[in-house]
């Protein structure tokens, strides 16, 4: 069996997983065109590629996969009409986005301390990411409320109306981008919703740029008593509004879900789906990359200190902010935005990694460490 497999250049480990199945060709997801699909059997993309009639053209694709959770970039009815099997990777990047949100909270003023002292997080959207975030907050003892009108409220813990969720100290957005009635998510936060937010709040958008009306947000941030804002996603990507970037507290280039662990999991999920589609049995390749050494012991200070130290040891969100701010100064900011994503550094997840702790570490500190998804290793056993 020899397949011709086109793979977005930002999907890692493609040769490792798909090489045994055929010829793997790397392509630019943003610039991919119909002519490149001629003779291809498989197309693997990310969210920057619009999989539509214009792209598919006269191709004879048999399988399309997206290494993402979201589906708004894929014309699913068209694929079904043409008999093309589709697969995606729901949940692969969920933990990466959760840790991005925690890093943003930990980096903005004393928001983390206030949450641990009884403050509330409002979660908009209870899919894979929203659900994973709720679980992590519960493990850390942080109160939260969830808004997702598409789900039965009885199936969503701490379900609340949008108004109540948006009144939380921290509001984090994770809905699917949809225009479907009766609850479209495009511009879910418009001028009226933004006007109700105040200077004590923090708003994080790591879903899709269009969920927030960027023009209205720009105007709101130019007015008084405005909330702190962290944006990983932007309307008009890759050509983002430099003025809006100047006004937000932290900005990044749509990389919240870009941990190496999450991306490799997405690749692995597409491999599993393609093998199932082909009806063959193959041994699953061992995941590439190695383990990580235990993180530094950290049982001193309060819960906020422990969470902040561990999160920052694994991921420096301010580095991504600095890189994006530098990119908008380039001659071609849009190209620079895409370059940040294409050349993104290796970022590993905190969850699942070991933390060295001393015998005298108190139970509350151990609870915070485990609440982050870390494994406890006694210092005497490290080495």
Protein backbone atom coordinates (compact mmCIF):
# COMPACT_ATOMS: atom_id res chain seq x y z
CA UNK A 1 0.00 0.00 0.00
CA UNK A 2 1.40 3.36 -1.02
CA UNK A 3 -0.69 6.43 -0.33
CA UNK A 4 0.10 10.02 -1.21
CA UNK A 5 -0.48 11.89 2.03
CA UNK A 6 -0.50 15.71 2.19
CA UNK A 7 0.19 17.00 5.70
CA UNK A 8 0.11 20.52 7.13
CA UNK A 9 3.68 21.52 8.01
CA UNK A 10 2.57 22.28 11.59
CA UNK A 11 1.44 18.71 12.31
CA UNK A 12 4.33 17.00 14.13
CA UNK A 13 5.51 13.40 13.86
CA UNK A 14 3.71 12.87 10.54
CA UNK A 15 6.57 10.87 9.01
CA UNK A 16 6.84 8.85 12.21
CA UNK A 17 3.18 7.81 12.10
CA UNK A 18 2.22 7.96 8.43
CA UNK A 19 5.52 7.16 6.69
CA UNK A 20 4.87 3.41 6.69
CA UNK A 21 1.57 4.03 4.87
CA UNK A 22 2.97 5.96 1.93
CA UNK A 23 4.58 9.16 0.72
CA UNK A 24 4.23 12.03 3.20
CA UNK A 25 4.38 15.53 1.68
CA UNK A 26 4.50 18.66 3.83
CA UNK A 27 2.36 21.61 2.69
CA UNK A 28 1.53 25.11 3.90
CA UNK A 29 -1.92 24.89 5.42
CA UNK A 30 -2.61 28.57 4.83
CA UNK A 31 -1.55 28.54 1.17
CA UNK A 32 -2.78 25.10 0.12
CA UNK A 33 -4.63 25.12 -3.22
CA UNK A 34 -6.66 22.67 -5.29
CA UNK A 35 -3.83 21.93 -7.72
CA UNK A 36 -1.71 20.46 -4.93
CA UNK A 37 -4.41 17.89 -4.16
CA UNK A 38 -4.15 16.30 -7.60
CA UNK A 39 -3.21 12.66 -7.13
CA UNK A 40 -3.43 12.82 -3.34
CA UNK A 41 -5.24 10.14 -1.36
CA UNK A 42 -5.14 11.69 2.13
CA UNK A 43 -5.21 15.28 3.38
CA UNK A 44 -4.33 16.17 6.98
CA UNK A 45 -4.90 19.78 8.00
CA UNK A 46 -5.23 22.18 10.92
CA UNK A 47 -7.74 25.00 11.46
CA UNK A 48 -6.05 27.45 9.05
CA UNK A 49 -7.11 25.37 6.03
CA UNK A 50 -10.64 25.84 4.71
CA UNK A 51 -11.72 22.42 3.47
CA UNK A 52 -14.40 23.39 0.99
CA UNK A 53 -15.45 22.90 -2.63
CA UNK A 54 -12.85 25.38 -3.86
CA UNK A 55 -10.03 23.42 -2.24
CA UNK A 56 -11.25 19.93 -3.07
CA UNK A 57 -11.82 20.80 -6.73
CA UNK A 58 -11.48 17.69 -8.92
CA UNK A 59 -9.39 15.80 -6.37
CA UNK A 60 -9.88 12.11 -5.62
CA UNK A 61 -9.23 12.33 -1.91
CA UNK A 62 -10.36 9.33 0.13
CA UNK A 63 -9.69 10.64 3.61
CA UNK A 64 -9.49 14.08 5.25
CA UNK A 65 -8.30 14.54 8.80
CA UNK A 66 -8.02 17.64 10.97
CA UNK A 67 -5.62 17.56 13.92
CA UNK A 68 -7.93 19.89 15.83
CA UNK A 69 -11.05 19.81 17.97
CA UNK A 70 -12.94 22.53 16.09
CA UNK A 71 -14.82 21.83 12.88
CA UNK A 72 -15.76 25.29 11.62
CA UNK A 73 -13.07 25.12 8.88
CA UNK A 74 -14.43 21.92 7.34
CA UNK A 75 -17.48 21.56 5.06
CA UNK A 76 -18.70 18.26 6.50
CA UNK A 77 -21.80 17.90 4.26
CA UNK A 78 -19.55 18.32 1.21
CA UNK A 79 -17.20 15.56 2.38
CA UNK A 80 -20.16 13.26 2.99
CA UNK A 81 -21.59 14.08 -0.43
CA UNK A 82 -18.29 13.17 -2.08
CA UNK A 83 -17.84 10.00 -0.06
CA UNK A 84 -14.72 11.24 1.70
CA UNK A 85 -14.10 9.84 5.17
CA UNK A 86 -13.41 12.51 7.79
CA UNK A 87 -11.76 12.35 11.19
CA UNK A 88 -10.58 14.94 13.68
CA UNK A 89 -8.91 15.03 17.08
CA UNK A 90 -11.44 16.21 19.68
CA UNK A 91 -9.81 16.74 23.02
CA UNK A 92 -6.23 16.27 21.85
CA UNK A 93 -5.29 19.84 22.73
CA UNK A 94 -7.65 20.21 25.69
CA UNK A 95 -5.03 19.97 28.42
CA UNK A 96 -2.71 22.30 26.52
CA UNK A 97 -5.44 24.96 26.42
CA UNK A 98 -6.30 24.38 30.09
CA UNK A 99 -2.67 24.99 31.05
CA UNK A 100 -2.61 28.10 28.85
CA UNK A 101 -5.62 29.43 30.78
CA UNK A 102 -3.95 28.67 34.11
CA UNK A 103 -0.76 30.38 32.93
CA UNK A 104 -2.76 33.46 31.92
CA UNK A 105 -4.52 33.60 35.29
CA UNK A 106 -1.23 33.14 37.14
CA UNK A 107 0.41 35.95 35.12
CA UNK A 108 -2.25 38.64 35.61
CA UNK A 109 -1.99 40.60 38.89
CA UNK A 110 -3.37 38.67 41.89
CA UNK A 111 -6.16 36.90 40.01
CA UNK A 112 -4.90 33.48 41.08
CA UNK A 113 -4.82 34.45 44.75
CA UNK A 114 -8.34 35.85 44.51
CA UNK A 115 -9.67 32.68 42.88
CA UNK A 116 -8.12 30.47 45.54
CA UNK A 117 -9.64 32.74 48.20
CA UNK A 118 -13.16 32.13 46.88
CA UNK A 119 -13.32 33.92 43.52
CA UNK A 120 -15.21 32.35 40.65
CA UNK A 121 -14.33 31.37 37.09
CA UNK A 122 -16.98 31.57 34.38
CA UNK A 123 -16.58 28.99 31.60
CA UNK A 124 -18.38 29.56 28.30
CA UNK A 125 -18.63 26.28 26.40
CA UNK A 126 -18.54 22.81 27.93
CA UNK A 127 -16.90 20.74 25.22
CA UNK A 128 -13.63 18.87 25.65
CA UNK A 129 -11.72 21.97 26.73
CA UNK A 130 -14.40 23.51 28.92
CA UNK A 131 -14.98 20.19 30.62
CA UNK A 132 -11.25 19.62 31.18
CA UNK A 133 -10.90 23.12 32.61
CA UNK A 134 -13.83 22.58 34.97
CA UNK A 135 -12.22 19.40 36.21
CA UNK A 136 -8.89 21.10 36.81
CA UNK A 137 -10.51 23.99 38.68
CA UNK A 138 -12.46 21.58 40.87
CA UNK A 139 -9.23 19.72 41.67
CA UNK A 140 -7.66 23.01 42.75
CA UNK A 141 -10.65 23.98 44.85
CA UNK A 142 -11.66 26.90 42.61
CA UNK A 143 -15.37 27.70 42.20
CA UNK A 144 -16.77 27.93 38.67
CA UNK A 145 -19.96 28.37 36.67
CA UNK A 146 -20.61 27.06 33.16
CA UNK A 147 -22.73 28.35 30.27
CA UNK A 148 -23.47 26.08 27.33
CA UNK A 149 -27.00 26.45 25.93
CA UNK A 150 -26.57 23.51 23.54
CA UNK A 151 -26.36 20.99 26.39
CA UNK A 152 -28.93 19.75 28.87
CA UNK A 153 -28.30 21.83 32.01
CA UNK A 154 -28.60 18.65 34.08
CA UNK A 155 -25.52 17.25 32.30
CA UNK A 156 -23.37 20.31 33.05
CA UNK A 157 -22.01 20.84 36.57
CA UNK A 158 -22.58 24.34 37.98
CA UNK A 159 -24.62 25.36 34.94
CA UNK A 160 -25.69 29.03 34.96
CA UNK A 161 -27.12 31.65 32.59
CA UNK A 162 -24.68 33.65 30.49
CA UNK A 163 -25.21 36.81 32.52
CA UNK A 164 -24.14 35.06 35.71
CA UNK A 165 -21.14 33.42 34.05
CA UNK A 166 -19.99 36.76 32.63
CA UNK A 167 -20.16 38.27 36.13
CA UNK A 168 -17.37 35.94 37.31
CA UNK A 169 -13.97 37.30 38.32
CA UNK A 170 -12.35 35.35 35.47
CA UNK A 171 -14.27 34.60 32.26
CA UNK A 172 -12.74 32.10 29.85
CA UNK A 173 -14.25 31.33 26.43
CA UNK A 174 -14.31 27.85 24.89
CA UNK A 175 -17.44 27.55 22.72
CA UNK A 176 -17.57 26.05 19.27
CA UNK A 177 -17.71 28.79 16.64
CA UNK A 178 -21.13 28.50 15.03
CA UNK A 179 -23.75 30.59 13.28
CA UNK A 180 -26.49 28.09 14.08
CA UNK A 181 -29.65 29.38 15.70
CA UNK A 182 -30.87 29.82 18.32
CA UNK A 183 -27.48 30.27 20.01
CA UNK A 184 -24.86 31.45 17.53
CA UNK A 185 -21.46 32.01 19.13
CA UNK A 186 -20.10 34.55 16.64
CA UNK A 187 -19.73 37.85 18.54
CA UNK A 188 -21.13 36.18 21.64
CA UNK A 189 -19.34 38.94 23.48
CA UNK A 190 -20.46 42.10 21.72
CA UNK A 191 -20.63 45.71 22.82
CA UNK A 192 -23.42 45.10 25.36
CA UNK A 193 -21.72 42.14 27.03
CA UNK A 194 -18.35 43.90 27.11
CA UNK A 195 -19.89 47.02 28.60
CA UNK A 196 -21.07 44.99 31.60
CA UNK A 197 -17.52 43.87 32.46
CA UNK A 198 -15.42 45.88 34.90
CA UNK A 199 -11.80 46.51 35.82
CA UNK A 200 -11.71 43.74 38.45
CA UNK A 201 -12.32 41.03 35.87
CA UNK A 202 -10.12 39.02 33.54
CA UNK A 203 -11.37 37.74 30.16
CA UNK A 204 -9.51 35.00 28.27
CA UNK A 205 -10.35 33.94 24.71
CA UNK A 206 -8.62 30.76 23.56
CA UNK A 207 -11.42 29.48 21.32
CA UNK A 208 -11.95 31.37 18.04
CA UNK A 209 -11.36 35.06 17.38
CA UNK A 210 -14.87 35.67 16.11
CA UNK A 211 -16.44 34.69 19.43
CA UNK A 212 -15.55 38.22 20.60
CA UNK A 213 -16.40 41.31 18.55
CA UNK A 214 -12.85 42.62 18.24
CA UNK A 215 -13.89 46.12 17.18
CA UNK A 216 -16.20 46.40 20.20
CA UNK A 217 -13.47 45.01 22.45
CA UNK A 218 -11.00 47.56 21.15
CA UNK A 219 -13.44 50.35 21.97
CA UNK A 220 -14.18 48.90 25.40
CA UNK A 221 -10.50 48.67 26.31
CA UNK A 222 -10.04 52.30 25.28
CA UNK A 223 -12.68 53.34 27.82
CA UNK A 224 -12.44 53.47 31.59
CA UNK A 225 -12.68 50.63 34.12
CA UNK A 226 -12.15 47.96 31.46
CA UNK A 227 -11.31 44.33 32.23
CA UNK A 228 -7.91 42.75 31.74
CA UNK A 229 -7.94 40.70 28.54
CA UNK A 230 -5.86 37.80 27.26
CA UNK A 231 -6.32 36.90 23.59
CA UNK A 232 -4.85 33.86 21.90
CA UNK A 233 -7.27 34.14 18.96
CA UNK A 234 -8.17 37.11 16.79
CA UNK A 235 -10.63 38.15 14.14
CA UNK A 236 -8.93 38.38 10.76
CA UNK A 237 -6.04 36.02 11.54
CA UNK A 238 -3.27 36.12 10.50
CA UNK A 239 -3.71 39.88 9.93
CA UNK A 240 -4.49 40.93 13.50
CA UNK A 241 -5.31 44.38 14.86
CA UNK A 242 -2.08 45.82 16.28
CA UNK A 243 -3.99 48.45 18.23
CA UNK A 244 -6.04 45.77 19.97
CA UNK A 245 -2.86 43.85 20.74
CA UNK A 246 -1.44 46.98 22.34
CA UNK A 247 -4.50 47.21 24.62
CA UNK A 248 -4.74 43.60 25.82
CA UNK A 249 -2.67 42.43 28.77
CA UNK A 250 -1.38 39.30 27.03
CA UNK A 251 -1.60 38.30 23.37
CA UNK A 252 -0.43 35.18 21.56
CA UNK A 253 -0.54 33.77 18.05
CA UNK A 254 -3.28 31.13 18.33
CA UNK A 255 -0.96 28.71 20.10
CA UNK A 256 -2.91 27.87 23.29
CA UNK A 257 -3.33 24.28 22.10
CA UNK A 258 0.18 24.03 20.67
CA UNK A 259 1.90 21.89 23.29
CA UNK A 260 4.02 19.17 21.75
CA UNK A 261 2.13 16.58 23.79
CA UNK A 262 -1.23 17.75 22.49
CA UNK A 263 -0.10 17.97 18.88
CA UNK A 264 1.41 14.49 18.92
CA UNK A 265 -1.78 13.12 20.47
CA UNK A 266 -3.72 14.74 17.60
CA UNK A 267 -1.41 13.10 15.04
CA UNK A 268 -1.80 9.75 16.76
CA UNK A 269 -5.62 10.07 16.74
CA UNK A 270 -5.60 10.75 12.98
CA UNK A 271 -3.31 7.75 12.42
CA UNK A 272 -5.74 5.54 14.32
CA UNK A 273 -8.66 6.86 12.26
CA UNK A 274 -6.85 6.39 8.94
CA UNK A 275 -5.80 2.83 9.78
CA UNK A 276 -9.41 2.04 10.74
CA UNK A 277 -10.61 3.60 7.46
CA UNK A 278 -8.19 1.44 5.50
CA UNK A 279 -9.34 -1.66 7.36
CA UNK A 280 -5.85 -2.82 8.19
CA UNK A 281 -4.17 -3.91 11.40
CA UNK A 282 -0.85 -2.29 12.27
CA UNK A 283 1.09 -2.03 15.53
CA UNK A 284 0.85 1.52 16.85
CA UNK A 285 4.21 3.31 16.67
CA UNK A 286 5.77 4.26 19.99
CA UNK A 287 5.19 7.98 20.65
CA UNK A 288 8.20 10.11 19.70
CA UNK A 289 10.03 12.20 22.27
CA UNK A 290 11.09 11.25 25.75
CA UNK A 291 10.00 11.87 29.28
CA UNK A 292 10.83 14.94 31.27
CA UNK A 293 12.90 15.23 34.45
CA UNK A 294 10.98 15.96 37.67
CA UNK A 295 10.14 19.59 38.29
CA UNK A 296 11.80 21.43 41.14
CA UNK A 297 10.35 20.72 44.58
CA UNK A 298 7.89 23.38 45.65
CA UNK A 299 6.03 23.02 48.92
CA UNK A 300 6.78 26.45 50.35
CA UNK A 301 4.42 29.42 50.25
CA UNK A 302 0.68 29.33 49.78
CA UNK A 303 -1.37 27.52 47.17
CA UNK A 304 -1.05 30.36 44.67
CA UNK A 305 2.75 30.25 44.97
CA UNK A 306 2.81 26.51 44.34
CA UNK A 307 0.49 26.70 41.33
CA UNK A 308 2.30 29.68 39.85
CA UNK A 309 5.77 28.17 40.27
CA UNK A 310 4.80 24.86 38.69
CA UNK A 311 2.90 26.43 35.80
CA UNK A 312 5.74 28.82 35.02
CA UNK A 313 8.37 26.09 35.17
CA UNK A 314 6.66 24.36 32.29
CA UNK A 315 5.27 27.29 30.26
CA UNK A 316 6.18 30.98 30.04
CA UNK A 317 3.13 32.68 28.54
CA UNK A 318 4.86 36.06 28.58
CA UNK A 319 7.39 34.76 26.06
CA UNK A 320 4.57 34.20 23.57
CA UNK A 321 3.24 37.68 24.32
CA UNK A 322 6.64 39.26 23.61
CA UNK A 323 7.03 37.31 20.38
CA UNK A 324 3.63 38.41 19.08
CA UNK A 325 4.27 42.05 19.93
CA UNK A 326 7.55 41.89 18.05
CA UNK A 327 5.86 40.23 15.07
CA UNK A 328 3.48 43.15 14.42
CA UNK A 329 6.52 45.40 13.92
CA UNK A 330 7.69 43.32 10.96
CA UNK A 331 7.26 44.36 7.33
CA UNK A 332 4.64 41.65 6.84
CA UNK A 333 2.90 41.11 10.21
CA UNK A 334 0.53 38.48 8.84
CA UNK A 335 3.43 36.38 7.57
CA UNK A 336 5.17 36.88 10.90
CA UNK A 337 2.04 35.66 12.74
CA UNK A 338 2.02 32.45 10.71
CA UNK A 339 5.76 32.06 11.19
CA UNK A 340 5.31 32.13 14.97
CA UNK A 341 2.94 29.19 14.66
CA UNK A 342 5.01 27.30 12.12
CA UNK A 343 8.24 27.68 14.10
CA UNK A 344 6.69 27.34 17.53
CA UNK A 345 9.09 26.15 20.18
CA UNK A 346 8.79 22.78 21.90
CA UNK A 347 6.38 23.27 24.78
CA UNK A 348 5.60 20.38 27.08
CA UNK A 349 2.59 19.95 29.33
CA UNK A 350 2.63 20.12 33.09
CA UNK A 351 0.00 17.43 33.62
CA UNK A 352 1.49 13.99 34.00
CA UNK A 353 4.98 15.15 34.86
CA UNK A 354 6.70 14.39 38.14
CA UNK A 355 7.26 16.89 40.93
CA UNK A 356 9.92 16.15 43.53
CA UNK A 357 8.57 16.73 47.05
CA UNK A 358 10.11 16.40 50.49
CA UNK A 359 8.86 14.09 53.20
CA UNK A 360 7.68 17.10 55.21
CA UNK A 361 5.51 18.58 52.47
CA UNK A 362 2.07 19.27 53.96
CA UNK A 363 -1.10 17.67 52.61
CA UNK A 364 -2.59 20.94 51.32
CA UNK A 365 0.51 21.58 49.22
CA UNK A 366 0.42 18.02 47.90
CA UNK A 367 -3.24 18.51 46.98
CA UNK A 368 -2.38 21.55 44.86
CA UNK A 369 0.42 19.70 43.09
CA UNK A 370 -1.82 16.75 42.32
CA UNK A 371 -4.64 19.11 41.40
CA UNK A 372 -2.49 20.31 38.51
CA UNK A 373 -2.29 16.73 37.26
CA UNK A 374 1.29 16.19 38.41
CA UNK A 375 2.75 13.02 39.88
CA UNK A 376 4.43 13.11 43.27
CA UNK A 377 7.98 11.78 43.58
CA UNK A 378 9.81 11.81 46.89
CA UNK A 379 13.12 13.68 46.67
CA UNK A 380 15.06 10.70 47.97
CA UNK A 381 13.90 8.66 44.97
CA UNK A 382 14.96 11.25 42.39
CA UNK A 383 18.34 10.93 40.84
